[in-house]
């Protein structure tokens, strides 16, 4: 047996108009639509998994100052 509880909600006129329109479009009652929306909102959200740390690489000492355009061009010519 399914039990339903009646309640009173204060919903703005604009939201109520959209709710009525959407319920008619989906061929269901406004109550059904609101209940579906609430169930969707209240469903347990999957917990975010902690990602493993990114690998670190020791690339040694920098060979060129990337802010120095001339040094960059020289380094690219040498390769």
Foldseek 3Di string as FASTA:
>chain_A
DDDDDDDDDDDDPVVVVVLVVVCVVVVHDSVVVVVVVVCVVPPDDDDDDDDDDDDDDPPDDDPADPVDVVRVVVVVVVD
